[in-house]
C-alpha atoms as a PDB file:
ATOM      1  CA  MET A   1      -1.111  -1.032  13.035  1.00  0.00           C
ATOM      2  CA  SER A   2      -0.948   1.175  16.120  1.00  0.00           C
ATOM      3  CA  ALA A   3       2.826   0.745  16.241  1.00  0.00           C
ATOM      4  CA  VAL A   4       3.072   1.650  12.532  1.00  0.00           C
ATOM      5  CA  VAL A   5       1.033   4.817  13.110  1.00  0.00           C
ATOM      6  CA  ASP A   6       3.169   5.763  16.135  1.00  0.00           C
ATOM      7  CA  THR A   7       6.452   5.154  14.293  1.00  0.00           C
ATOM      8  CA  PHE A   8       5.599   7.367  11.336  1.00  0.00           C
ATOM      9  CA  ALA A   9       3.982  10.071  13.462  1.00  0.00           C
ATOM     10  CA  ASP A  10       7.175  10.158  15.554  1.00  0.00           C
ATOM     11  CA  GLU A  11       9.156  10.607  12.320  1.00  0.00           C
ATOM     12  CA  GLY A  12       7.086  13.692  11.500  1.00  0.00           C
ATOM     13  CA  LEU A  13       4.841  12.255   8.791  1.00  0.00           C
ATOM     14  CA  ALA A  14       1.559  14.179   8.774  1.00  0.00           C
ATOM     15  CA  LEU A  15      -0.431  10.983   9.130  1.00  0.00           C
ATOM     16  CA  VAL A  16      -4.223  11.077   9.460  1.00  0.00           C
ATOM     17  CA  PRO A  17      -5.139   7.561  10.586  1.00  0.00           C
ATOM     18  CA  PHE A  18      -8.496   5.854  10.797  1.00  0.00           C
ATOM     19  CA  VAL A  19      -8.117   2.381  12.275  1.00  0.00           C
ATOM     20  CA  ALA A  20     -11.150   0.233  13.085  1.00  0.00           C
ATOM     21  CA  ILE A  21     -10.270  -3.419  13.599  1.00  0.00           C
ATOM     22  CA  GLN A  22     -12.808  -5.789  15.144  1.00  0.00           C
ATOM     23  CA  GLY A  23     -10.773  -8.956  15.723  1.00  0.00           C
ATOM     24  CA  GLU A  24      -7.507  -9.872  14.088  1.00  0.00           C
ATOM     25  CA  PRO A  25      -6.770 -11.890  10.961  1.00  0.00           C
ATOM     26  CA  PRO A  26      -4.387 -14.860  11.187  1.00  0.00           C
ATOM     27  CA  VAL A  27      -0.850 -13.929  12.285  1.00  0.00           C
ATOM     28  CA  PRO A  28       0.818 -14.448   8.870  1.00  0.00           C
ATOM     29  CA  VAL A  29      -1.838 -12.260   7.204  1.00  0.00           C
ATOM     30  CA  ARG A  30      -1.512  -9.579   9.873  1.00  0.00           C
ATOM     31  CA  GLU A  31       2.283  -9.563   9.469  1.00  0.00           C
ATOM     32  CA  ALA A  32       1.991  -9.270   5.672  1.00  0.00           C
ATOM     33  CA  LEU A  33      -0.511  -6.394   5.942  1.00  0.00           C
ATOM     34  CA  VAL A  34       1.618  -4.532   8.474  1.00  0.00           C
ATOM     35  CA  ALA A  35       4.787  -4.998   6.375  1.00  0.00           C
ATOM     36  CA  ALA A  36       3.074  -3.752   3.200  1.00  0.00           C
ATOM     37  CA  THR A  37       1.564  -0.770   5.055  1.00  0.00           C
ATOM     38  CA  ARG A  38       4.921   0.085   6.596  1.00  0.00           C
ATOM     39  CA  GLU A  39       6.605  -0.084   3.165  1.00  0.00           C
ATOM     40  CA  ALA A  40       3.941   2.130   1.570  1.00  0.00           C
ATOM     41  CA  LEU A  41       4.442   4.759   4.299  1.00  0.00           C
ATOM     42  CA  ARG A  42       8.235   4.466   4.083  1.00  0.00           C
ATOM     43  CA  ASN A  43       8.034   5.143   0.341  1.00  0.00           C
ATOM     44  CA  ILE A  44       5.977   8.263   0.996  1.00  0.00           C
ATOM     45  CA  VAL A  45       8.691   9.544   3.314  1.00  0.00           C
ATOM     46  CA  ARG A  46      11.364   8.739   0.701  1.00  0.00           C
ATOM     47  CA  HIS A  47       9.665   9.763  -2.529  1.00  0.00           C
ATOM     48  CA  ALA A  48       6.480  11.823  -2.206  1.00  0.00           C
ATOM     49  CA  GLY A  49       8.130  15.175  -1.584  1.00  0.00           C
ATOM     50  CA  GLU A  50       6.365  17.670   0.646  1.00  0.00           C
ATOM     51  CA  VAL A  51       2.891  16.412   1.558  1.00  0.00           C
ATOM     52  CA  ASP A  52       0.437  18.221   3.808  1.00  0.00           C
ATOM     53  CA  GLU A  53      -1.095  14.974   5.012  1.00  0.00           C
ATOM     54  CA  VAL A  54      -1.156  11.258   4.394  1.00  0.00           C
ATOM     55  CA  SER A  55      -4.334   9.251   4.879  1.00  0.00           C
ATOM     56  CA  LEU A  56      -4.227   5.785   6.402  1.00  0.00           C
ATOM     57  CA  PHE A  57      -7.516   3.896   6.471  1.00  0.00           C
ATOM     58  CA  VAL A  58      -7.637   0.453   8.086  1.00  0.00           C
ATOM     59  CA  GLU A  59     -10.872  -1.428   8.621  1.00  0.00           C
ATOM     60  CA  GLY A  60     -11.730  -5.060   9.108  1.00  0.00           C
ATOM     61  CA  GLY A  61     -11.579  -8.006  11.394  1.00  0.00           C
ATOM     62  CA  ALA A  62     -10.698 -11.661  11.653  1.00  0.00           C
ATOM     63  CA  ASP A  63     -12.105 -12.543   8.221  1.00  0.00           C
ATOM     64  CA  ALA A  64     -11.377  -9.453   6.042  1.00  0.00           C
ATOM     65  CA  VAL A  65      -9.180  -6.341   6.123  1.00  0.00           C
ATOM     66  CA  LEU A  66      -8.953  -3.249   3.916  1.00  0.00           C
ATOM     67  CA  VAL A  67      -5.970  -0.879   4.129  1.00  0.00           C
ATOM     68  CA  VAL A  68      -5.717   2.292   2.018  1.00  0.00           C
ATOM     69  CA  VAL A  69      -2.661   4.562   2.128  1.00  0.00           C
ATOM     70  CA  ARG A  70      -3.048   7.809   0.148  1.00  0.00           C
ATOM     71  CA  ASP A  71      -0.715  10.732  -0.404  1.00  0.00           C
ATOM     72  CA  ARG A  72      -0.959  13.796  -2.643  1.00  0.00           C
ATOM     73  CA  GLY A  73       2.763  13.955  -3.332  1.00  0.00           C
ATOM     74  CA  VAL A  74       4.662  13.978  -6.606  1.00  0.00           C
ATOM     75  CA  GLY A  75       3.329  10.583  -7.741  1.00  0.00           C
ATOM     76  CA  PHE A  76       4.914   8.621 -10.577  1.00  0.00           C
ATOM     77  CA  ASP A  77       4.070   7.131 -13.957  1.00  0.00           C
ATOM     78  CA  PRO A  78       3.682   3.345 -13.549  1.00  0.00           C
ATOM     79  CA  ALA A  79       4.601   2.872 -17.233  1.00  0.00           C
ATOM     80  CA  THR A  80       8.091   4.244 -16.579  1.00  0.00           C
ATOM     81  CA  VAL A  81       9.103   1.912 -13.761  1.00  0.00           C
ATOM     82  CA  ARG A  82      10.582  -1.571 -13.878  1.00  0.00           C
ATOM     83  CA  PRO A  83       9.662  -4.569 -11.665  1.00  0.00           C
ATOM     84  CA  GLY A  84      11.357  -4.878  -8.295  1.00  0.00           C
ATOM     85  CA  GLY A  85      11.670  -2.646  -5.271  1.00  0.00           C
ATOM     86  CA  GLY A  86      10.613  -2.953  -1.652  1.00  0.00           C
ATOM     87  CA  MET A  87       6.888  -3.278  -2.199  1.00  0.00           C
ATOM     88  CA  SER A  88       7.241  -6.302  -4.473  1.00  0.00           C
ATOM     89  CA  GLY A  89       8.238  -8.484  -1.503  1.00  0.00           C
ATOM     90  CA  SER A  90       5.474  -7.101   0.692  1.00  0.00           C
ATOM     91  CA  TYR A  91       2.874  -7.565  -2.039  1.00  0.00           C
ATOM     92  CA  GLN A  92       3.962 -11.131  -2.720  1.00  0.00           C
ATOM     93  CA  ALA A  93       3.715 -11.998   0.963  1.00  0.00           C
ATOM     94  CA  LEU A  94       0.146 -10.671   1.049  1.00  0.00           C
ATOM     95  CA  ARG A  95      -0.770 -12.542  -2.152  1.00  0.00           C
ATOM     96  CA  ARG A  96       0.585 -15.796  -0.746  1.00  0.00           C
ATOM     97  CA  HIS A  97      -2.082 -15.464   1.954  1.00  0.00           C
ATOM     98  CA  GLY A  98      -4.928 -14.727  -0.472  1.00  0.00           C
ATOM     99  CA  GLY A  99      -4.672 -10.950  -0.443  1.00  0.00           C
ATOM    100  CA  GLN A 100      -4.392  -8.274  -3.104  1.00  0.00           C
ATOM    101  CA  ALA A 101      -2.284  -5.133  -3.456  1.00  0.00           C
ATOM    102  CA  LEU A 102      -3.105  -2.378  -5.939  1.00  0.00           C
ATOM    103  CA  VAL A 103      -1.140   0.786  -6.654  1.00  0.00           C
ATOM    104  CA  THR A 104      -2.780   3.713  -8.364  1.00  0.00           C
ATOM    105  CA  ALA A 105      -0.380   6.489  -9.294  1.00  0.00           C
ATOM    106  CA  ARG A 106      -0.134   9.478 -11.604  1.00  0.00           C
ATOM    107  CA  PRO A 107       2.590  12.091 -11.868  1.00  0.00           C
ATOM    108  CA  GLY A 108       1.603  15.152  -9.856  1.00  0.00           C
ATOM    109  CA  ASP A 109      -1.384  13.409  -8.259  1.00  0.00           C
ATOM    110  CA  GLY A 110       0.234  11.277  -5.572  1.00  0.00           C
ATOM    111  CA  VAL A 111      -0.150   7.575  -4.957  1.00  0.00           C
ATOM    112  CA  LYS A 112      -2.844   5.344  -3.512  1.00  0.00           C
ATOM    113  CA  VAL A 113      -1.964   1.876  -2.216  1.00  0.00           C
ATOM    114  CA  THR A 114      -4.904  -0.451  -1.541  1.00  0.00           C
ATOM    115  CA  LEU A 115      -4.345  -3.696   0.355  1.00  0.00           C
ATOM    116  CA  ARG A 116      -7.173  -6.203   0.700  1.00  0.00           C
ATOM    117  CA  TRP A 117      -7.422  -9.530   2.438  1.00  0.00           C
ATOM    118  CA  PRO A 118      -8.907 -11.734   1.273  1.00  0.00           C
ATOM    119  CA  ALA A 119      -8.695 -10.564  -2.320  1.00  0.00           C
ATOM    120  CA  PRO A 120     -12.058  -9.635  -3.831  1.00  0.00           C
ATOM    121  CA  PRO A 121     -13.590 -12.198  -6.181  1.00  0.00           C
ATOM    122  CA  THR A 122     -12.553 -12.150  -9.822  1.00  0.00           C
ATOM    123  CA  PRO A 123     -14.936  -9.973 -11.855  1.00  0.00           C
ATOM    124  CA  PRO A 124     -17.395 -11.739 -14.200  1.00  0.00           C
ATOM    125  CA  GLY A 125     -15.680 -12.743 -17.417  1.00  0.00           C
ATOM    126  CA  GLY A 126     -12.342 -13.429 -15.716  1.00  0.00           C
ATOM    127  CA  GLY A 127      -9.394 -11.118 -15.530  1.00  0.00           C
ATOM    128  CA  THR A 128      -8.397  -8.980 -12.605  1.00  0.00           C
ATOM    129  CA  PRO A 129      -9.607  -5.631 -11.324  1.00  0.00           C
ATOM    130  CA  SER A 130      -7.966  -2.849 -13.284  1.00  0.00           C
ATOM    131  CA  SER A 131      -5.261  -0.622 -11.892  1.00  0.00           C
ATOM    132  CA  PRO A 132      -2.413   1.280 -13.522  1.00  0.00           C
ATOM    133  CA  SER A 133       0.075  -0.967 -11.746  1.00  0.00           C
ATOM    134  CA  ASP A 134      -1.955  -3.928 -10.589  1.00  0.00           C
ATOM    135  CA  ASP A 135       0.938  -6.161  -9.632  1.00  0.00           C
ATOM    136  CA  GLY A 136       2.547  -3.530  -7.422  1.00  0.00           C
ATOM    137  CA  ALA A 137       5.964  -4.834  -8.319  1.00  0.00           C
ATOM    138  CA  PRO A 138       7.450  -1.910 -10.219  1.00  0.00           C
ATOM    139  CA  SER A 139      10.434  -0.107  -8.959  1.00  0.00           C
ATOM    140  CA  PRO A 140      11.086   3.366 -10.238  1.00  0.00           C
ATOM    141  CA  GLY A 141      13.718   4.515 -12.614  1.00  0.00           C
ATOM    142  CA  PRO A 142      17.002   6.084 -11.571  1.00  0.00           C
ATOM    143  CA  GLY A 143      17.068   7.801  -8.219  1.00  0.00           C
ATOM    144  CA  ARG A 144      13.990   6.132  -6.731  1.00  0.00           C
ATOM    145  CA  ALA A 145      13.858   3.028  -4.605  1.00  0.00           C
ATOM    146  CA  GLY A 146      10.325   1.796  -5.190  1.00  0.00           C
ATOM    147  CA  PRO A 147       6.669   2.642  -5.778  1.00  0.00           C
ATOM    148  CA  ARG A 148       4.337   3.905  -3.160  1.00  0.00           C
END
């Protein structure tokens, strides 16, 4: 994650990172988390418009990791996007290793990407935790390359 932070800071993204990792998850999980985080930040650069700052929160260790990427950019309406885009591959890789990716977005209110490994338990009564775009697979309409 340090390399991800350095890369985007060097590109001029106003990144405010908090990274507290006590031990590392298995290599395939770590690679999936880093790829999904990198894609979320790349989408901010591409699509969020002018943002004063971007928050990156990473906490965890060898048995659990939480990553939250939050911007206050232009956002998007998850109902108006179709499946696909760069994040869909990153999300699927994380899911294959027992993780979860959630995107919360609203026009004018930015985007929040939450990555968890392992995925939290299913709530009582079945189903999945709610999120406007729970599967994280949408890609935006014309002129946009993917969700953040």
